[in-house]
Amino acid sequence: MIKKMAKLSDQPVGALKKVKDFLPPPEDLVIPEETVKVTLSLTKSSIEFFKREARKHNKKYQKMIRELVDRYAKQF
């Protein structure tokens, strides 16, 4: 399949206008939520599953488990 390239024109696009920077800084994009450390015993097979999936997606398995629990709690 051959893709058609858009032709660029030599004509001016129009007057440029500076727009105020409205984006927040990166540190304001991640809102930290208070966490509490707990001790939890999980089956070996469950931990192996999360570790395997975390490696596939280049994530941390504890964060995946925390996200799972958070989503469950929000649902109810």
N, C-alpha and C. Protein backbone atom coordinates (compact mmCIF):
# COMPACT_ATOMS: atom_id res chain seq x y z
N MET A 1 0.86 -1.17 0.00
CA MET A 1 0.00 0.00 0.00
C MET A 1 0.90 1.24 0.00
N ILE A 2 0.63 2.17 -0.88
CA ILE A 2 1.41 3.39 -0.98
C ILE A 2 0.65 4.51 -0.27
N LYS A 3 1.36 5.17 0.66
CA LYS A 3 0.75 6.28 1.39
C LYS A 3 1.00 7.56 0.62
N LYS A 4 0.00 8.40 0.52
CA LYS A 4 0.15 9.69 -0.14
C LYS A 4 0.66 10.70 0.87
N MET A 5 1.65 11.45 0.49
CA MET A 5 2.21 12.48 1.35
C MET A 5 1.44 13.79 1.12
N ALA A 6 1.20 14.49 2.18
CA ALA A 6 0.56 15.80 2.08
C ALA A 6 1.57 16.76 1.47
N LYS A 7 1.14 17.58 0.55
CA LYS A 7 2.03 18.56 -0.06
C LYS A 7 2.05 19.82 0.78
N LEU A 8 3.23 20.27 1.09
CA LEU A 8 3.37 21.50 1.86
C LEU A 8 3.42 22.67 0.91
N SER A 9 2.77 23.71 1.27
CA SER A 9 2.71 24.90 0.45
C SER A 9 3.78 25.88 0.91
N ASP A 10 4.28 26.70 0.00
CA ASP A 10 5.25 27.73 0.34
C ASP A 10 4.56 29.00 0.84
N GLN A 11 3.25 28.98 0.85
CA GLN A 11 2.50 30.16 1.26
C GLN A 11 2.43 30.24 2.78
N PRO A 12 2.41 31.45 3.34
CA PRO A 12 2.34 31.60 4.80
C PRO A 12 1.01 31.04 5.32
N VAL A 13 1.07 30.53 6.55
CA VAL A 13 -0.10 29.95 7.18
C VAL A 13 -0.98 31.04 7.79
N GLY A 14 -0.38 32.08 8.28
CA GLY A 14 -1.12 33.16 8.90
C GLY A 14 -0.27 33.79 9.99
N ALA A 15 -0.83 34.77 10.65
CA ALA A 15 -0.10 35.46 11.71
C ALA A 15 0.03 34.54 12.91
N LEU A 16 1.22 34.53 13.49
CA LEU A 16 1.45 33.73 14.68
C LEU A 16 1.03 34.50 15.92
N LYS A 17 0.53 33.78 16.89
CA LYS A 17 0.06 34.40 18.11
C LYS A 17 0.60 33.59 19.29
N LYS A 18 1.26 34.26 20.23
CA LYS A 18 1.79 33.57 21.39
C LYS A 18 0.64 33.25 22.34
N VAL A 19 0.60 32.00 22.79
CA VAL A 19 -0.45 31.54 23.69
C VAL A 19 0.14 31.40 25.08
N LYS A 20 -0.61 31.85 26.09
CA LYS A 20 -0.17 31.74 27.47
C LYS A 20 0.01 30.27 27.83
N ASP A 21 1.09 29.95 28.54
CA ASP A 21 1.35 28.59 28.97
C ASP A 21 0.32 28.21 30.04
N PHE A 22 -0.59 27.30 29.71
CA PHE A 22 -1.65 26.93 30.63
C PHE A 22 -1.46 25.54 31.24
N LEU A 23 -0.39 24.85 30.82
CA LEU A 23 -0.16 23.50 31.33
C LEU A 23 0.52 23.55 32.70
N PRO A 24 0.12 22.67 33.60
CA PRO A 24 0.77 22.63 34.93
C PRO A 24 2.15 22.02 34.82
N PRO A 25 3.02 22.32 35.76
CA PRO A 25 4.34 21.68 35.75
C PRO A 25 4.19 20.18 36.03
N PRO A 26 5.16 19.38 35.59
CA PRO A 26 5.04 17.93 35.76
C PRO A 26 4.79 17.48 37.19
N GLU A 27 5.39 18.16 38.17
CA GLU A 27 5.20 17.72 39.56
C GLU A 27 3.76 17.91 40.04
N ASP A 28 2.99 18.76 39.37
CA ASP A 28 1.58 18.95 39.74
C ASP A 28 0.66 17.95 39.05
N LEU A 29 1.18 17.16 38.12
CA LEU A 29 0.35 16.19 37.41
C LEU A 29 0.16 14.91 38.21
N VAL A 30 1.06 14.63 39.12
CA VAL A 30 0.95 13.42 39.94
C VAL A 30 0.54 13.85 41.34
N ILE A 31 -0.69 13.56 41.67
CA ILE A 31 -1.22 13.95 42.98
C ILE A 31 -0.98 12.77 43.92
N PRO A 32 -0.07 12.93 44.86
CA PRO A 32 0.19 11.81 45.77
C PRO A 32 -1.00 11.54 46.68
N GLU A 33 -1.28 10.30 46.85
CA GLU A 33 -2.37 9.90 47.73
C GLU A 33 -1.75 9.25 48.96
N GLU A 34 -2.33 9.51 50.10
CA GLU A 34 -1.80 8.94 51.33
C GLU A 34 -1.88 7.43 51.28
N THR A 35 -0.79 6.79 51.65
CA THR A 35 -0.76 5.33 51.66
C THR A 35 -0.49 4.84 53.07
N VAL A 36 -0.87 3.60 53.32
CA VAL A 36 -0.66 2.95 54.61
C VAL A 36 0.01 1.62 54.33
N LYS A 37 1.09 1.34 55.03
CA LYS A 37 1.77 0.05 54.86
C LYS A 37 0.99 -1.03 55.59
N VAL A 38 0.81 -2.15 54.89
CA VAL A 38 0.14 -3.30 55.49
C VAL A 38 0.95 -4.56 55.21
N THR A 39 0.75 -5.56 56.03
CA THR A 39 1.34 -6.86 55.77
C THR A 39 0.22 -7.74 55.26
N LEU A 40 0.46 -8.37 54.13
CA LEU A 40 -0.58 -9.17 53.49
C LEU A 40 0.05 -10.45 52.96
N SER A 41 -0.54 -11.57 53.29
CA SER A 41 -0.06 -12.85 52.77
C SER A 41 -0.89 -13.22 51.55
N LEU A 42 -0.20 -13.41 50.44
CA LEU A 42 -0.86 -13.81 49.19
C LEU A 42 -0.27 -15.14 48.75
N THR A 43 -1.01 -15.84 47.91
CA THR A 43 -0.50 -17.12 47.42
C THR A 43 0.69 -16.89 46.50
N LYS A 44 1.56 -17.86 46.48
CA LYS A 44 2.75 -17.78 45.63
C LYS A 44 2.35 -17.63 44.16
N SER A 45 1.32 -18.34 43.75
CA SER A 45 0.89 -18.27 42.35
C SER A 45 0.38 -16.87 41.98
N SER A 46 -0.29 -16.20 42.92
CA SER A 46 -0.77 -14.84 42.65
C SER A 46 0.40 -13.89 42.47
N ILE A 47 1.39 -13.98 43.35
CA ILE A 47 2.56 -13.11 43.26
C ILE A 47 3.33 -13.38 41.98
N GLU A 48 3.48 -14.64 41.62
CA GLU A 48 4.17 -14.99 40.37
C GLU A 48 3.44 -14.41 39.18
N PHE A 49 2.10 -14.46 39.20
CA PHE A 49 1.31 -13.88 38.12
C PHE A 49 1.59 -12.38 38.00
N PHE A 50 1.51 -11.65 39.10
CA PHE A 50 1.71 -10.21 39.05
C PHE A 50 3.14 -9.85 38.66
N LYS A 51 4.11 -10.60 39.13
CA LYS A 51 5.50 -10.34 38.74
C LYS A 51 5.70 -10.57 37.25
N ARG A 52 5.12 -11.64 36.74
CA ARG A 52 5.24 -11.95 35.30
C ARG A 52 4.59 -10.85 34.46
N GLU A 53 3.39 -10.45 34.84
CA GLU A 53 2.69 -9.40 34.08
C GLU A 53 3.42 -8.06 34.20
N ALA A 54 3.96 -7.77 35.36
CA ALA A 54 4.69 -6.52 35.56
C ALA A 54 5.92 -6.48 34.66
N ARG A 55 6.62 -7.59 34.55
CA ARG A 55 7.81 -7.64 33.66
C ARG A 55 7.41 -7.40 32.22
N LYS A 56 6.29 -7.99 31.79
CA LYS A 56 5.82 -7.82 30.40
C LYS A 56 5.56 -6.36 30.07
N HIS A 57 5.05 -5.63 31.05
CA HIS A 57 4.63 -4.24 30.82
C HIS A 57 5.58 -3.22 31.43
N ASN A 58 6.74 -3.70 31.90
CA ASN A 58 7.75 -2.83 32.49
C ASN A 58 7.17 -1.98 33.63
N LYS A 59 6.44 -2.63 34.52
CA LYS A 59 5.81 -1.98 35.67
C LYS A 59 6.28 -2.67 36.94
N LYS A 60 5.89 -2.12 38.07
CA LYS A 60 6.20 -2.73 39.35
C LYS A 60 4.98 -3.53 39.82
N TYR A 61 5.24 -4.75 40.28
CA TYR A 61 4.11 -5.62 40.62
C TYR A 61 3.33 -5.11 41.82
N GLN A 62 4.00 -4.45 42.79
CA GLN A 62 3.26 -3.93 43.94
C GLN A 62 2.28 -2.84 43.51
N LYS A 63 2.70 -2.02 42.55
CA LYS A 63 1.80 -0.97 42.05
C LYS A 63 0.60 -1.58 41.34
N MET A 64 0.81 -2.67 40.63
CA MET A 64 -0.30 -3.34 39.95
C MET A 64 -1.31 -3.87 40.97
N ILE A 65 -0.80 -4.49 42.03
CA ILE A 65 -1.69 -5.01 43.07
C ILE A 65 -2.43 -3.87 43.75
N ARG A 66 -1.72 -2.78 44.06
CA ARG A 66 -2.34 -1.62 44.70
C ARG A 66 -3.44 -1.05 43.80
N GLU A 67 -3.18 -0.94 42.50
CA GLU A 67 -4.18 -0.42 41.56
C GLU A 67 -5.40 -1.33 41.51
N LEU A 68 -5.17 -2.62 41.55
CA LEU A 68 -6.28 -3.58 41.55
C LEU A 68 -7.17 -3.38 42.77
N VAL A 69 -6.55 -3.28 43.94
CA VAL A 69 -7.30 -3.10 45.19
C VAL A 69 -8.02 -1.74 45.17
N ASP A 70 -7.35 -0.69 44.70
CA ASP A 70 -7.98 0.64 44.63
C ASP A 70 -9.21 0.63 43.73
N ARG A 71 -9.08 0.00 42.57
CA ARG A 71 -10.23 -0.05 41.64
C ARG A 71 -11.39 -0.84 42.23
N TYR A 72 -11.08 -1.93 42.90
CA TYR A 72 -12.12 -2.71 43.55
C TYR A 72 -12.84 -1.88 44.60
N ALA A 73 -12.05 -1.19 45.44
CA ALA A 73 -12.65 -0.37 46.51
C ALA A 73 -13.51 0.75 45.95
N LYS A 74 -13.08 1.37 44.87
CA LYS A 74 -13.86 2.46 44.27
C LYS A 74 -15.17 1.95 43.67
N GLN A 75 -15.15 0.71 43.21
CA GLN A 75 -16.35 0.12 42.61
C GLN A 75 -17.47 -0.04 43.65
N PHE A 76 -17.07 -0.29 44.89
CA PHE A 76 -18.06 -0.53 45.93
C PHE A 76 -18.06 0.58 46.94
